[in-house]
């Protein structure tokens, strides 16, 4: 039985990212990339939060409620 290695299948977006980051060589360049990606996601979240505030789905009271909310899973004692 012949064993052949499977080639990874990348999406077009993954190929684009790999091509874009291939020239990065130094740790400083990699840190810059991480910062750019972080900024990108921060902007996305910020825009979505603005939409929630404008629609009234999110408000000051919800923020206050989060301060005392407990979302941890309750586990039964295993005695």
N, C-alpha and C. Protein backbone atom coordinates (compact mmCIF):
# COMPACT_ATOMS: atom_id res chain seq x y z
N UNK A 1 0.85 -1.18 0.00
CA UNK A 1 0.00 0.00 0.00
C UNK A 1 0.89 1.23 0.00
N UNK A 2 0.69 2.08 -0.94
CA UNK A 2 1.50 3.29 -1.07
C UNK A 2 0.90 4.42 -0.26
N UNK A 3 1.75 5.07 0.54
CA UNK A 3 1.30 6.19 1.36
C UNK A 3 1.75 7.47 0.69
N UNK A 4 0.81 8.34 0.44
CA UNK A 4 1.14 9.62 -0.17
C UNK A 4 0.78 10.74 0.78
N UNK A 5 1.61 11.76 0.79
CA UNK A 5 1.35 12.91 1.65
C UNK A 5 0.23 13.74 1.03
N UNK A 6 -0.65 14.19 1.90
CA UNK A 6 -1.74 15.04 1.43
C UNK A 6 -1.27 16.48 1.42
N UNK A 7 -1.53 17.16 0.35
CA UNK A 7 -1.19 18.57 0.27
C UNK A 7 -2.28 19.37 0.96
N UNK A 8 -1.88 20.37 1.75
CA UNK A 8 -2.91 21.20 2.39
C UNK A 8 -3.70 21.97 1.34
N UNK A 9 -4.96 22.11 1.60
CA UNK A 9 -5.82 22.88 0.70
C UNK A 9 -6.11 24.21 1.38
N UNK A 10 -5.66 25.28 0.77
CA UNK A 10 -5.86 26.61 1.33
C UNK A 10 -6.97 27.34 0.59
N UNK A 11 -7.68 28.16 1.35
CA UNK A 11 -8.68 29.01 0.73
C UNK A 11 -7.97 30.15 0.01
N UNK A 12 -8.64 30.82 -0.90
CA UNK A 12 -8.02 31.96 -1.57
C UNK A 12 -7.54 33.03 -0.57
N UNK A 13 -8.29 33.24 0.50
CA UNK A 13 -7.89 34.24 1.50
C UNK A 13 -6.60 33.80 2.19
N UNK A 14 -6.48 32.50 2.52
CA UNK A 14 -5.28 32.01 3.17
C UNK A 14 -4.06 32.14 2.26
N UNK A 15 -4.23 31.85 0.99
CA UNK A 15 -3.13 31.99 0.02
C UNK A 15 -2.71 33.45 -0.05
N UNK A 16 -3.67 34.35 -0.07
CA UNK A 16 -3.38 35.78 -0.13
C UNK A 16 -2.56 36.22 1.08
N UNK A 17 -2.96 35.76 2.26
CA UNK A 17 -2.24 36.12 3.49
C UNK A 17 -0.84 35.54 3.47
N UNK A 18 -0.70 34.28 3.08
CA UNK A 18 0.63 33.66 3.02
C UNK A 18 1.54 34.41 2.06
N UNK A 19 1.02 34.80 0.92
CA UNK A 19 1.83 35.57 -0.03
C UNK A 19 2.22 36.94 0.52
N UNK A 20 1.31 37.53 1.27
CA UNK A 20 1.57 38.86 1.82
C UNK A 20 2.62 38.83 2.92
N UNK A 21 2.65 37.78 3.72
CA UNK A 21 3.57 37.73 4.85
C UNK A 21 4.88 37.01 4.54
N UNK A 22 4.98 36.39 3.40
CA UNK A 22 6.19 35.65 3.05
C UNK A 22 7.46 36.50 3.13
N UNK A 23 7.43 37.77 2.73
CA UNK A 23 8.67 38.56 2.78
C UNK A 23 9.09 39.00 4.20
N UNK A 24 8.23 38.85 5.19
CA UNK A 24 8.58 39.28 6.54
C UNK A 24 9.71 38.42 7.09
N UNK A 25 10.74 39.07 7.60
CA UNK A 25 11.90 38.32 8.07
C UNK A 25 12.27 38.63 9.52
N UNK A 26 12.14 39.86 9.93
CA UNK A 26 12.61 40.23 11.26
C UNK A 26 11.48 40.16 12.28
N UNK A 27 11.87 40.06 13.54
CA UNK A 27 10.89 40.04 14.63
C UNK A 27 10.10 41.35 14.65
N UNK A 28 10.75 42.44 14.32
CA UNK A 28 10.07 43.74 14.29
C UNK A 28 8.98 43.75 13.22
N UNK A 29 9.26 43.19 12.07
CA UNK A 29 8.25 43.12 11.01
C UNK A 29 7.07 42.24 11.44
N UNK A 30 7.37 41.17 12.11
CA UNK A 30 6.30 40.27 12.58
C UNK A 30 5.46 40.96 13.64
N UNK A 31 6.10 41.70 14.54
CA UNK A 31 5.34 42.46 15.56
C UNK A 31 4.44 43.49 14.88
N UNK A 32 4.97 44.14 13.84
CA UNK A 32 4.16 45.11 13.10
C UNK A 32 2.94 44.46 12.48
N UNK A 33 3.12 43.25 11.94
CA UNK A 33 2.00 42.51 11.36
C UNK A 33 0.97 42.18 12.43
N UNK A 34 1.45 41.68 13.57
CA UNK A 34 0.52 41.37 14.67
C UNK A 34 -0.27 42.60 15.08
N UNK A 35 0.40 43.74 15.16
CA UNK A 35 -0.27 44.98 15.55
C UNK A 35 -1.31 45.38 14.51
N UNK A 36 -0.96 45.24 13.23
CA UNK A 36 -1.90 45.59 12.16
C UNK A 36 -3.14 44.70 12.21
N UNK A 37 -2.94 43.40 12.45
CA UNK A 37 -4.07 42.48 12.55
C UNK A 37 -4.92 42.81 13.77
N UNK A 38 -4.26 43.12 14.87
CA UNK A 38 -4.97 43.50 16.09
C UNK A 38 -5.81 44.76 15.86
N UNK A 39 -5.23 45.74 15.21
CA UNK A 39 -5.95 46.98 14.91
C UNK A 39 -7.15 46.70 14.01
N UNK A 40 -6.98 45.82 13.05
CA UNK A 40 -8.06 45.48 12.13
C UNK A 40 -9.26 44.91 12.91
N UNK A 41 -9.00 43.94 13.78
CA UNK A 41 -10.10 43.34 14.54
C UNK A 41 -10.68 44.31 15.56
N UNK A 42 -9.85 45.16 16.14
CA UNK A 42 -10.35 46.17 17.06
C UNK A 42 -11.34 47.09 16.33
N UNK A 43 -10.99 47.50 15.12
CA UNK A 43 -11.88 48.37 14.35
C UNK A 43 -13.20 47.68 14.02
N UNK A 44 -13.13 46.38 13.67
CA UNK A 44 -14.37 45.65 13.38
C UNK A 44 -15.29 45.60 14.60
N UNK A 45 -14.72 45.26 15.75
CA UNK A 45 -15.51 45.17 16.98
C UNK A 45 -16.05 46.54 17.36
N UNK A 46 -15.23 47.55 17.22
CA UNK A 46 -15.66 48.91 17.56
C UNK A 46 -16.85 49.35 16.70
N UNK A 47 -16.80 49.05 15.41
CA UNK A 47 -17.91 49.41 14.52
C UNK A 47 -19.19 48.67 14.91
N UNK A 48 -19.05 47.38 15.25
CA UNK A 48 -20.22 46.60 15.66
C UNK A 48 -20.81 47.13 16.97
N UNK A 49 -19.95 47.49 17.91
CA UNK A 49 -20.43 48.06 19.18
C UNK A 49 -21.14 49.39 18.94
N UNK A 50 -20.60 50.20 18.04
CA UNK A 50 -21.27 51.46 17.71
C UNK A 50 -22.67 51.21 17.16
N UNK A 51 -22.81 50.19 16.32
CA UNK A 51 -24.12 49.85 15.77
C UNK A 51 -25.08 49.43 16.88
N UNK A 52 -24.58 48.63 17.84
CA UNK A 52 -25.43 48.19 18.95
C UNK A 52 -25.88 49.36 19.81
N UNK A 53 -24.97 50.30 20.09
CA UNK A 53 -25.34 51.48 20.88
C UNK A 53 -26.37 52.32 20.13
N UNK A 54 -26.15 52.54 18.84
CA UNK A 54 -27.07 53.37 18.05
C UNK A 54 -28.45 52.74 17.94
N UNK A 55 -28.51 51.40 17.88
CA UNK A 55 -29.80 50.73 17.75
C UNK A 55 -30.51 50.61 19.10
N UNK A 56 -29.78 50.85 20.19
CA UNK A 56 -30.38 50.73 21.51
C UNK A 56 -30.28 49.32 22.09
N UNK A 57 -29.65 48.40 21.34
CA UNK A 57 -29.49 47.04 21.82
C UNK A 57 -28.48 46.95 22.96
N UNK A 58 -27.61 47.93 23.06
CA UNK A 58 -26.59 47.96 24.09
C UNK A 58 -26.63 49.33 24.74
N UNK A 59 -26.55 49.38 26.05
CA UNK A 59 -26.62 50.67 26.72
C UNK A 59 -25.84 50.64 28.03
N UNK A 60 -25.87 51.75 28.75
CA UNK A 60 -25.12 51.87 30.00
C UNK A 60 -25.58 50.86 31.05
N UNK A 61 -26.89 50.59 31.08
CA UNK A 61 -27.40 49.62 32.06
C UNK A 61 -26.85 48.22 31.81
N UNK A 62 -26.74 47.82 30.55
CA UNK A 62 -26.18 46.50 30.25
C UNK A 62 -24.73 46.41 30.70
N UNK A 63 -23.99 47.50 30.55
CA UNK A 63 -22.61 47.51 31.03
C UNK A 63 -22.55 47.34 32.54
N UNK A 64 -23.43 48.04 33.25
CA UNK A 64 -23.48 47.92 34.70
C UNK A 64 -23.85 46.50 35.11
N UNK A 65 -24.80 45.90 34.40
CA UNK A 65 -25.22 44.53 34.71
C UNK A 65 -24.07 43.53 34.53
N UNK A 66 -23.20 43.77 33.57
CA UNK A 66 -22.07 42.87 33.34
C UNK A 66 -21.10 42.84 34.52
N UNK A 67 -21.04 43.93 35.26
CA UNK A 67 -20.12 43.99 36.39
C UNK A 67 -20.45 42.95 37.45
N UNK A 68 -21.71 42.60 37.57
CA UNK A 68 -22.12 41.65 38.61
C UNK A 68 -22.61 40.32 38.04
N UNK A 69 -22.52 40.15 36.74
CA UNK A 69 -23.01 38.92 36.11
C UNK A 69 -22.06 37.76 36.38
N UNK A 70 -22.63 36.58 36.53
CA UNK A 70 -21.85 35.36 36.74
C UNK A 70 -22.22 34.37 35.64
N UNK A 71 -21.30 34.20 34.69
CA UNK A 71 -21.57 33.33 33.55
C UNK A 71 -20.80 32.01 33.63
N UNK A 72 -20.16 31.74 34.74
CA UNK A 72 -19.41 30.50 34.87
C UNK A 72 -20.37 29.32 34.96
N UNK A 73 -19.95 28.21 34.41
CA UNK A 73 -20.75 26.99 34.44
C UNK A 73 -20.77 26.44 35.86
N UNK A 74 -21.96 26.14 36.33
CA UNK A 74 -22.10 25.55 37.66
C UNK A 74 -21.89 24.05 37.54
N UNK A 75 -20.95 23.52 38.31
CA UNK A 75 -20.69 22.09 38.31
C UNK A 75 -21.17 21.47 39.63
N UNK A 76 -21.69 20.28 39.51
CA UNK A 76 -22.12 19.56 40.72
C UNK A 76 -20.90 19.06 41.46
N UNK A 77 -20.99 19.07 42.76
CA UNK A 77 -19.91 18.54 43.58
C UNK A 77 -19.78 17.04 43.32
N UNK A 78 -18.55 16.56 43.23
CA UNK A 78 -18.34 15.14 42.94
C UNK A 78 -17.94 14.38 44.19
N UNK A 79 -18.65 14.55 45.26
CA UNK A 79 -18.38 13.82 46.52
C UNK A 79 -19.06 12.50 46.54
